[in-house]
All heavy atoms as atom14 arrays in JSON, in Angstrom:
{
  "sequence": "DAQKDAIGSGMEVEVSEIDIDGNIGAYAKVVALKATVSGQT",
  "atom14_mask": [
    [1, 1, 1, 1, 1, 1, 1, 1, 0, 0, 0, 0, 0, 0],
    [1, 1, 1, 1, 1, 0, 0, 0, 0, 0, 0, 0, 0, 0],
    [1, 1, 1, 1, 1, 1, 1, 1, 1, 0, 0, 0, 0, 0],
    [1, 1, 1, 1, 1, 1, 1, 1, 1, 0, 0, 0, 0, 0],
    [1, 1, 1, 1, 1, 1, 1, 1, 0, 0, 0, 0, 0, 0],
    [1, 1, 1, 1, 1, 0, 0, 0, 0, 0, 0, 0, 0, 0],
    [1, 1, 1, 1, 1, 1, 1, 1, 0, 0, 0, 0, 0, 0],
    [1, 1, 1, 1, 0, 0, 0, 0, 0, 0, 0, 0, 0, 0],
    [1, 1, 1, 1, 1, 1, 0, 0, 0, 0, 0, 0, 0, 0],
    [1, 1, 1, 1, 0, 0, 0, 0, 0, 0, 0, 0, 0, 0],
    [1, 1, 1, 1, 1, 1, 1, 1, 0, 0, 0, 0, 0, 0],
    [1, 1, 1, 1, 1, 1, 1, 1, 1, 0, 0, 0, 0, 0],
    [1, 1, 1, 1, 1, 1, 1, 0, 0, 0, 0, 0, 0, 0],
    [1, 1, 1, 1, 1, 1, 1, 1, 1, 0, 0, 0, 0, 0],
    [1, 1, 1, 1, 1, 1, 1, 0, 0, 0, 0, 0, 0, 0],
    [1, 1, 1, 1, 1, 1, 0, 0, 0, 0, 0, 0, 0, 0],
    [1, 1, 1, 1, 1, 1, 1, 1, 1, 0, 0, 0, 0, 0],
    [1, 1, 1, 1, 1, 1, 1, 1, 0, 0, 0, 0, 0, 0],
    [1, 1, 1, 1, 1, 1, 1, 1, 0, 0, 0, 0, 0, 0],
    [1, 1, 1, 1, 1, 1, 1, 1, 0, 0, 0, 0, 0, 0],
    [1, 1, 1, 1, 1, 1, 1, 1, 0, 0, 0, 0, 0, 0],
    [1, 1, 1, 1, 0, 0, 0, 0, 0, 0, 0, 0, 0, 0],
    [1, 1, 1, 1, 1, 1, 1, 1, 0, 0, 0, 0, 0, 0],
    [1, 1, 1, 1, 1, 1, 1, 1, 0, 0, 0, 0, 0, 0],
    [1, 1, 1, 1, 0, 0, 0, 0, 0, 0, 0, 0, 0, 0],
    [1, 1, 1, 1, 1, 0, 0, 0, 0, 0, 0, 0, 0, 0],
    [1, 1, 1, 1, 1, 1, 1, 1, 1, 1, 1, 1, 0, 0],
    [1, 1, 1, 1, 1, 0, 0, 0, 0, 0, 0, 0, 0, 0],
    [1, 1, 1, 1, 1, 1, 1, 1, 1, 0, 0, 0, 0, 0],
    [1, 1, 1, 1, 1, 1, 1, 0, 0, 0, 0, 0, 0, 0],
    [1, 1, 1, 1, 1, 1, 1, 0, 0, 0, 0, 0, 0, 0],
    [1, 1, 1, 1, 1, 0, 0, 0, 0, 0, 0, 0, 0, 0],
    [1, 1, 1, 1, 1, 1, 1, 1, 0, 0, 0, 0, 0, 0],
    [1, 1, 1, 1, 1, 1, 1, 1, 1, 0, 0, 0, 0, 0],
    [1, 1, 1, 1, 1, 0, 0, 0, 0, 0, 0, 0, 0, 0],
    [1, 1, 1, 1, 1, 1, 1, 0, 0, 0, 0, 0, 0, 0],
    [1, 1, 1, 1, 1, 1, 1, 0, 0, 0, 0, 0, 0, 0],
    [1, 1, 1, 1, 1, 1, 0, 0, 0, 0, 0, 0, 0, 0],
    [1, 1, 1, 1, 0, 0, 0, 0, 0, 0, 0, 0, 0, 0],
    [1, 1, 1, 1, 1, 1, 1, 1, 1, 0, 0, 0, 0, 0],
    [1, 1, 1, 1, 1, 1, 1, 0, 0, 0, 0, 0, 0, 0]
  ],
  "atom14_positions": [
    [[-5.36, 17.25, -18.32], [-4.49, 17.09, -17.16], [-5.2, 16.21, -16.13], [-6.21, 16.59, -15.54], [-4.16, 18.46, -16.56], [-3.07, 18.37, -15.5], [-2.81, 17.25, -14.99], [-2.48, 19.42, -15.17], [0.0, 0.0, 0.0], [0.0, 0.0, 0.0], [0.0, 0.0, 0.0], [0.0, 0.0, 0.0], [0.0, 0.0, 0.0], [0.0, 0.0, 0.0]],
    [[-4.65, 15.02, -15.88], [-5.26, 14.06, -14.95], [-5.24, 14.56, -13.51], [-5.98, 14.04, -12.66], [-4.53, 12.72, -15.04], [0.0, 0.0, 0.0], [0.0, 0.0, 0.0], [0.0, 0.0, 0.0], [0.0, 0.0, 0.0], [0.0, 0.0, 0.0], [0.0, 0.0, 0.0], [0.0, 0.0, 0.0], [0.0, 0.0, 0.0], [0.0, 0.0, 0.0]],
    [[-4.39, 15.57, -13.2], [-4.31, 16.11, -11.85], [-5.36, 17.18, -11.6], [-5.52, 17.65, -10.48], [-2.91, 16.71, -11.62], [-1.77, 15.72, -11.79], [-1.89, 14.53, -10.85], [-2.16, 14.7, -9.67], [-1.71, 13.32, -11.39], [0.0, 0.0, 0.0], [0.0, 0.0, 0.0], [0.0, 0.0, 0.0], [0.0, 0.0, 0.0], [0.0, 0.0, 0.0]],
    [[-6.1, 17.56, -12.64], [-7.13, 18.59, -12.5], [-8.51, 17.97, -12.73], [-8.64, 16.86, -13.23], [-6.89, 19.72, -13.52], [-5.6, 20.49, -13.28], [-5.45, 21.61, -14.31], [-4.18, 22.41, -14.09], [-4.03, 23.48, -15.1], [0.0, 0.0, 0.0], [0.0, 0.0, 0.0], [0.0, 0.0, 0.0], [0.0, 0.0, 0.0], [0.0, 0.0, 0.0]],
    [[-9.54, 18.75, -12.36], [-10.92, 18.27, -12.52], [-11.56, 18.93, -13.73], [-11.5, 20.15, -13.91], [-11.76, 18.61, -11.28], [-11.31, 17.83, -10.05], [-10.85, 16.68, -10.23], [-11.41, 18.38, -8.94], [0.0, 0.0, 0.0], [0.0, 0.0, 0.0], [0.0, 0.0, 0.0], [0.0, 0.0, 0.0], [0.0, 0.0, 0.0], [0.0, 0.0, 0.0]],
    [[-12.21, 18.1, -14.56], [-12.98, 18.66, -15.67], [-14.24, 19.34, -15.14], [-14.67, 20.38, -15.64], [-13.35, 17.55, -16.66], [0.0, 0.0, 0.0], [0.0, 0.0, 0.0], [0.0, 0.0, 0.0], [0.0, 0.0, 0.0], [0.0, 0.0, 0.0], [0.0, 0.0, 0.0], [0.0, 0.0, 0.0], [0.0, 0.0, 0.0], [0.0, 0.0, 0.0]],
    [[-14.87, 18.72, -14.12], [-15.99, 19.34, -13.41], [-15.47, 19.71, -12.03], [-15.17, 18.84, -11.21], [-17.2, 18.38, -13.28], [-17.57, 17.78, -14.63], [-18.38, 19.1, -12.65], [-18.07, 18.77, -15.64], [0.0, 0.0, 0.0], [0.0, 0.0, 0.0], [0.0, 0.0, 0.0], [0.0, 0.0, 0.0], [0.0, 0.0, 0.0], [0.0, 0.0, 0.0]],
    [[-15.33, 21.0, -11.79], [-14.69, 21.47, -10.57], [-15.47, 21.21, -9.3], [-16.66, 20.85, -9.32], [0.0, 0.0, 0.0], [0.0, 0.0, 0.0], [0.0, 0.0, 0.0], [0.0, 0.0, 0.0], [0.0, 0.0, 0.0], [0.0, 0.0, 0.0], [0.0, 0.0, 0.0], [0.0, 0.0, 0.0], [0.0, 0.0, 0.0], [0.0, 0.0, 0.0]],
    [[-14.8, 21.38, -8.19], [-15.38, 21.15, -6.87], [-16.62, 22.02, -6.65], [-16.6, 23.22, -6.87], [-14.34, 21.44, -5.79], [-14.89, 21.28, -4.51], [0.0, 0.0, 0.0], [0.0, 0.0, 0.0], [0.0, 0.0, 0.0], [0.0, 0.0, 0.0], [0.0, 0.0, 0.0], [0.0, 0.0, 0.0], [0.0, 0.0, 0.0], [0.0, 0.0, 0.0]],
    [[-17.71, 21.38, -6.23], [-18.93, 22.11, -5.89], [-19.76, 22.57, -7.06], [-20.81, 23.2, -6.86], [0.0, 0.0, 0.0], [0.0, 0.0, 0.0], [0.0, 0.0, 0.0], [0.0, 0.0, 0.0], [0.0, 0.0, 0.0], [0.0, 0.0, 0.0], [0.0, 0.0, 0.0], [0.0, 0.0, 0.0], [0.0, 0.0, 0.0], [0.0, 0.0, 0.0]],
    [[-19.36, 22.25, -8.28], [-20.1, 22.71, -9.45], [-21.35, 21.86, -9.69], [-21.39, 20.68, -9.37], [-19.21, 22.67, -10.7], [-18.12, 23.72, -10.73], [-18.78, 25.4, -10.87], [-18.79, 25.94, -9.15], [0.0, 0.0, 0.0], [0.0, 0.0, 0.0], [0.0, 0.0, 0.0], [0.0, 0.0, 0.0], [0.0, 0.0, 0.0], [0.0, 0.0, 0.0]],
    [[-22.38, 22.49, -10.28], [-23.61, 21.79, -10.65], [-23.82, 21.92, -12.15], [-23.74, 23.02, -12.7], [-24.82, 22.37, -9.91], [-24.8, 22.1, -8.42], [-26.08, 22.55, -7.73], [-27.06, 22.87, -8.45], [-26.1, 22.59, -6.5], [0.0, 0.0, 0.0], [0.0, 0.0, 0.0], [0.0, 0.0, 0.0], [0.0, 0.0, 0.0], [0.0, 0.0, 0.0]],
    [[-24.09, 20.79, -12.8], [-24.29, 20.76, -14.25], [-25.56, 19.98, -14.54], [-25.75, 18.87, -14.02], [-23.09, 20.1, -14.99], [-23.32, 20.13, -16.5], [-21.79, 20.8, -14.62], [0.0, 0.0, 0.0], [0.0, 0.0, 0.0], [0.0, 0.0, 0.0], [0.0, 0.0, 0.0], [0.0, 0.0, 0.0], [0.0, 0.0, 0.0], [0.0, 0.0, 0.0]],
    [[-26.43, 20.56, -15.37], [-27.67, 19.88, -15.77], [-27.94, 20.19, -17.23], [-28.33, 21.31, -17.58], [-28.85, 20.31, -14.9], [-30.1, 19.49, -15.16], [-31.24, 19.82, -14.2], [-30.96, 20.34, -13.11], [-32.39, 19.54, -14.56], [0.0, 0.0, 0.0], [0.0, 0.0, 0.0], [0.0, 0.0, 0.0], [0.0, 0.0, 0.0], [0.0, 0.0, 0.0]],
    [[-27.72, 19.21, -18.1], [-27.91, 19.36, -19.54], [-28.52, 18.07, -20.1], [-28.75, 17.11, -19.37], [-26.56, 19.66, -20.26], [-26.05, 21.04, -19.89], [-25.53, 18.59, -19.91], [0.0, 0.0, 0.0], [0.0, 0.0, 0.0], [0.0, 0.0, 0.0], [0.0, 0.0, 0.0], [0.0, 0.0, 0.0], [0.0, 0.0, 0.0], [0.0, 0.0, 0.0]],
    [[-28.77, 18.06, -21.42], [-29.34, 16.85, -22.03], [-28.31, 15.73, -22.1], [-28.57, 14.6, -21.71], [-29.88, 17.16, -23.42], [-30.98, 18.04, -23.33], [0.0, 0.0, 0.0], [0.0, 0.0, 0.0], [0.0, 0.0, 0.0], [0.0, 0.0, 0.0], [0.0, 0.0, 0.0], [0.0, 0.0, 0.0], [0.0, 0.0, 0.0], [0.0, 0.0, 0.0]],
    [[-27.12, 16.06, -22.64], [-26.05, 15.07, -22.74], [-24.73, 15.72, -22.33], [-24.52, 16.91, -22.57], [-25.93, 14.53, -24.17], [-27.13, 13.72, -24.63], [-26.92, 13.1, -26.0], [-25.75, 13.03, -26.46], [-27.92, 12.66, -26.62], [0.0, 0.0, 0.0], [0.0, 0.0, 0.0], [0.0, 0.0, 0.0], [0.0, 0.0, 0.0], [0.0, 0.0, 0.0]],
    [[-23.85, 14.91, -21.75], [-22.54, 15.44, -21.36], [-21.48, 14.36, -21.54], [-21.68, 13.2, -21.16], [-22.55, 15.97, -19.9], [-21.2, 16.63, -19.57], [-22.91, 14.88, -18.9], [-21.23, 17.44, -18.28], [0.0, 0.0, 0.0], [0.0, 0.0, 0.0], [0.0, 0.0, 0.0], [0.0, 0.0, 0.0], [0.0, 0.0, 0.0], [0.0, 0.0, 0.0]],
    [[-20.39, 14.75, -22.16], [-19.24, 13.86, -22.37], [-18.06, 14.49, -21.63], [-17.56, 15.55, -22.03], [-18.95, 13.73, -23.87], [-17.86, 12.69, -24.15], [-17.27, 12.19, -23.18], [-17.6, 12.41, -25.32], [0.0, 0.0, 0.0], [0.0, 0.0, 0.0], [0.0, 0.0, 0.0], [0.0, 0.0, 0.0], [0.0, 0.0, 0.0], [0.0, 0.0, 0.0]],
    [[-17.65, 13.85, -20.53], [-16.6, 14.41, -19.68], [-15.3, 13.64, -19.92], [-15.18, 12.48, -19.54], [-17.0, 14.33, -18.19], [-18.34, 15.05, -17.97], [-15.92, 14.93, -17.31], [-18.95, 14.81, -16.6], [0.0, 0.0, 0.0], [0.0, 0.0, 0.0], [0.0, 0.0, 0.0], [0.0, 0.0, 0.0], [0.0, 0.0, 0.0], [0.0, 0.0, 0.0]],
    [[-14.37, 14.32, -20.54], [-13.04, 13.74, -20.75], [-12.15, 14.26, -19.63], [-11.39, 15.22, -19.8], [-12.51, 14.15, -22.13], [-11.2, 13.43, -22.47], [-10.73, 12.64, -21.63], [-10.65, 13.69, -23.56], [0.0, 0.0, 0.0], [0.0, 0.0, 0.0], [0.0, 0.0, 0.0], [0.0, 0.0, 0.0], [0.0, 0.0, 0.0], [0.0, 0.0, 0.0]],
    [[-12.27, 13.64, -18.46], [-11.54, 14.1, -17.29], [-12.24, 13.65, -16.03], [-13.07, 12.73, -16.05], [0.0, 0.0, 0.0], [0.0, 0.0, 0.0], [0.0, 0.0, 0.0], [0.0, 0.0, 0.0], [0.0, 0.0, 0.0], [0.0, 0.0, 0.0], [0.0, 0.0, 0.0], [0.0, 0.0, 0.0], [0.0, 0.0, 0.0], [0.0, 0.0, 0.0]],
    [[-11.92, 14.3, -14.91], [-12.41, 13.88, -13.6], [-13.56, 14.77, -13.12], [-13.7, 15.91, -13.55], [-11.27, 13.93, -12.57], [-10.08, 13.1, -13.0], [-10.23, 12.06, -13.65], [-8.88, 13.56, -12.66], [0.0, 0.0, 0.0], [0.0, 0.0, 0.0], [0.0, 0.0, 0.0], [0.0, 0.0, 0.0], [0.0, 0.0, 0.0], [0.0, 0.0, 0.0]],
    [[-14.34, 14.22, -12.17], [-15.39, 14.99, -11.49], [-14.93, 15.23, -10.06], [-14.6, 14.3, -9.33], [-16.73, 14.24, -11.5], [-17.22, 14.05, -12.94], [-17.78, 14.99, -10.68], [-18.54, 13.31, -13.04], [0.0, 0.0, 0.0], [0.0, 0.0, 0.0], [0.0, 0.0, 0.0], [0.0, 0.0, 0.0], [0.0, 0.0, 0.0], [0.0, 0.0, 0.0]],
    [[-14.92, 16.51, -9.65], [-14.38, 16.89, -8.34], [-15.34, 16.67, -7.19], [-16.48, 16.24, -7.36], [0.0, 0.0, 0.0], [0.0, 0.0, 0.0], [0.0, 0.0, 0.0], [0.0, 0.0, 0.0], [0.0, 0.0, 0.0], [0.0, 0.0, 0.0], [0.0, 0.0, 0.0], [0.0, 0.0, 0.0], [0.0, 0.0, 0.0], [0.0, 0.0, 0.0]],
    [[-14.86, 16.99, -6.0], [-15.63, 16.8, -4.77], [-16.87, 17.67, -4.76], [-16.84, 18.83, -5.19], [-14.75, 17.12, -3.56], [0.0, 0.0, 0.0], [0.0, 0.0, 0.0], [0.0, 0.0, 0.0], [0.0, 0.0, 0.0], [0.0, 0.0, 0.0], [0.0, 0.0, 0.0], [0.0, 0.0, 0.0], [0.0, 0.0, 0.0], [0.0, 0.0, 0.0]],
    [[-17.97, 17.11, -4.26], [-19.25, 17.8, -4.08], [-19.82, 18.35, -5.38], [-20.71, 19.21, -5.36], [-19.11, 18.93, -3.04], [-18.58, 18.44, -1.72], [-17.25, 18.72, -1.33], [-19.36, 17.66, -0.87], [-16.75, 18.23, -0.13], [-18.85, 17.18, 0.33], [-17.55, 17.47, 0.69], [-17.06, 16.99, 1.88], [0.0, 0.0, 0.0], [0.0, 0.0, 0.0]],
    [[-19.31, 17.88, -6.51], [-19.89, 18.26, -7.8], [-21.13, 17.41, -8.05], [-21.24, 16.27, -7.58], [-18.88, 18.06, -8.93], [0.0, 0.0, 0.0], [0.0, 0.0, 0.0], [0.0, 0.0, 0.0], [0.0, 0.0, 0.0], [0.0, 0.0, 0.0], [0.0, 0.0, 0.0], [0.0, 0.0, 0.0], [0.0, 0.0, 0.0], [0.0, 0.0, 0.0]],
    [[-22.09, 17.97, -8.82], [-23.33, 17.25, -9.14], [-23.59, 17.39, -10.63], [-23.66, 18.5, -11.16], [-24.5, 17.82, -8.34], [-25.79, 17.08, -8.56], [-26.91, 17.67, -7.72], [-28.23, 16.91, -7.96], [-29.34, 17.49, -7.17], [0.0, 0.0, 0.0], [0.0, 0.0, 0.0], [0.0, 0.0, 0.0], [0.0, 0.0, 0.0], [0.0, 0.0, 0.0]],
    [[-23.75, 16.24, -11.29], [-23.99, 16.22, -12.74], [-25.29, 15.48, -13.0], [-25.48, 14.36, -12.51], [-22.83, 15.54, -13.49], [-23.14, 15.47, -14.98], [-21.52, 16.28, -13.25], [0.0, 0.0, 0.0], [0.0, 0.0, 0.0], [0.0, 0.0, 0.0], [0.0, 0.0, 0.0], [0.0, 0.0, 0.0], [0.0, 0.0, 0.0], [0.0, 0.0, 0.0]],
    [[-26.2, 16.12, -13.76], [-27.48, 15.51, -14.11], [-27.67, 15.61, -15.62], [-27.51, 16.69, -16.2], [-28.66, 16.2, -13.39], [-29.98, 15.53, -13.77], [-28.46, 16.16, -11.88], [0.0, 0.0, 0.0], [0.0, 0.0, 0.0], [0.0, 0.0, 0.0], [0.0, 0.0, 0.0], [0.0, 0.0, 0.0], [0.0, 0.0, 0.0], [0.0, 0.0, 0.0]],
    [[-28.02, 14.5, -16.28], [-28.23, 14.49, -17.72], [-29.06, 13.28, -18.11], [-29.32, 12.39, -17.29], [-26.89, 14.48, -18.46], [0.0, 0.0, 0.0], [0.0, 0.0, 0.0], [0.0, 0.0, 0.0], [0.0, 0.0, 0.0], [0.0, 0.0, 0.0], [0.0, 0.0, 0.0], [0.0, 0.0, 0.0], [0.0, 0.0, 0.0], [0.0, 0.0, 0.0]],
    [[-29.5, 13.26, -19.38], [-30.16, 12.06, -19.89], [-29.11, 11.02, -20.25], [-29.33, 9.82, -20.08], [-31.01, 12.41, -21.11], [-32.2, 13.36, -20.86], [-32.9, 13.67, -22.17], [-33.18, 12.75, -19.87], [0.0, 0.0, 0.0], [0.0, 0.0, 0.0], [0.0, 0.0, 0.0], [0.0, 0.0, 0.0], [0.0, 0.0, 0.0], [0.0, 0.0, 0.0]],
    [[-27.99, 11.5, -20.77], [-26.9, 10.61, -21.15], [-25.59, 11.24, -20.7], [-25.35, 12.42, -20.94], [-26.89, 10.4, -22.67], [-25.82, 9.44, -23.15], [-25.88, 9.29, -24.67], [-24.77, 8.36, -25.16], [-24.8, 8.23, -26.65], [0.0, 0.0, 0.0], [0.0, 0.0, 0.0], [0.0, 0.0, 0.0], [0.0, 0.0, 0.0], [0.0, 0.0, 0.0]],
    [[-24.74, 10.44, -20.04], [-23.48, 10.98, -19.53], [-22.37, 9.95, -19.67], [-22.58, 8.75, -19.48], [-23.62, 11.38, -18.06], [0.0, 0.0, 0.0], [0.0, 0.0, 0.0], [0.0, 0.0, 0.0], [0.0, 0.0, 0.0], [0.0, 0.0, 0.0], [0.0, 0.0, 0.0], [0.0, 0.0, 0.0], [0.0, 0.0, 0.0], [0.0, 0.0, 0.0]],
    [[-21.18, 10.47, -20.01], [-19.98, 9.64, -20.12], [-18.86, 10.31, -19.34], [-18.61, 11.5, -19.51], [-19.55, 9.46, -21.59], [-20.64, 8.91, -22.32], [-18.35, 8.54, -21.69], [0.0, 0.0, 0.0], [0.0, 0.0, 0.0], [0.0, 0.0, 0.0], [0.0, 0.0, 0.0], [0.0, 0.0, 0.0], [0.0, 0.0, 0.0], [0.0, 0.0, 0.0]],
    [[-18.16, 9.52, -18.5], [-17.03, 10.04, -17.72], [-15.83, 9.15, -18.01], [-15.8, 7.98, -17.59], [-17.33, 10.05, -16.2], [-16.15, 10.66, -15.44], [-18.61, 10.81, -15.9], [0.0, 0.0, 0.0], [0.0, 0.0, 0.0], [0.0, 0.0, 0.0], [0.0, 0.0, 0.0], [0.0, 0.0, 0.0], [0.0, 0.0, 0.0], [0.0, 0.0, 0.0]],
    [[-14.86, 9.71, -18.72], [-13.68, 8.9, -19.07], [-12.63, 8.93, -17.97], [-11.69, 8.13, -17.98], [-13.07, 9.39, -20.38], [-12.65, 10.73, -20.25], [0.0, 0.0, 0.0], [0.0, 0.0, 0.0], [0.0, 0.0, 0.0], [0.0, 0.0, 0.0], [0.0, 0.0, 0.0], [0.0, 0.0, 0.0], [0.0, 0.0, 0.0], [0.0, 0.0, 0.0]],
    [[-12.77, 9.84, -17.01], [-11.84, 9.91, -15.88], [-12.42, 9.2, -14.67], [-12.96, 8.1, -14.78], [0.0, 0.0, 0.0], [0.0, 0.0, 0.0], [0.0, 0.0, 0.0], [0.0, 0.0, 0.0], [0.0, 0.0, 0.0], [0.0, 0.0, 0.0], [0.0, 0.0, 0.0], [0.0, 0.0, 0.0], [0.0, 0.0, 0.0], [0.0, 0.0, 0.0]],
    [[-12.33, 9.84, -13.5], [-12.84, 9.23, -12.27], [-13.74, 10.21, -11.53], [-13.63, 11.43, -11.69], [-11.69, 8.77, -11.38], [-10.77, 9.89, -10.92], [-9.56, 9.35, -10.16], [-9.21, 8.18, -10.27], [-8.91, 10.22, -9.4], [0.0, 0.0, 0.0], [0.0, 0.0, 0.0], [0.0, 0.0, 0.0], [0.0, 0.0, 0.0], [0.0, 0.0, 0.0]],
    [[-14.63, 9.65, -10.71], [-15.53, 10.49, -9.9], [-15.03, 10.52, -8.47], [-14.61, 9.49, -7.93], [-16.96, 9.93, -9.93], [-16.95, 8.62, -9.37], [-17.51, 9.87, -11.35], [0.0, 0.0, 0.0], [0.0, 0.0, 0.0], [0.0, 0.0, 0.0], [0.0, 0.0, 0.0], [0.0, 0.0, 0.0], [0.0, 0.0, 0.0], [0.0, 0.0, 0.0]]
  ]
}
């Protein structure tokens, strides 16, 4: 759903690799060695 966030508002994610098929919400923080975001930040 393009109207929703794959990484929700205020969430913190820290992993080796992350493939995000969707959006990153406000004040979210993503840290990885390799990252892909197919939506918008």
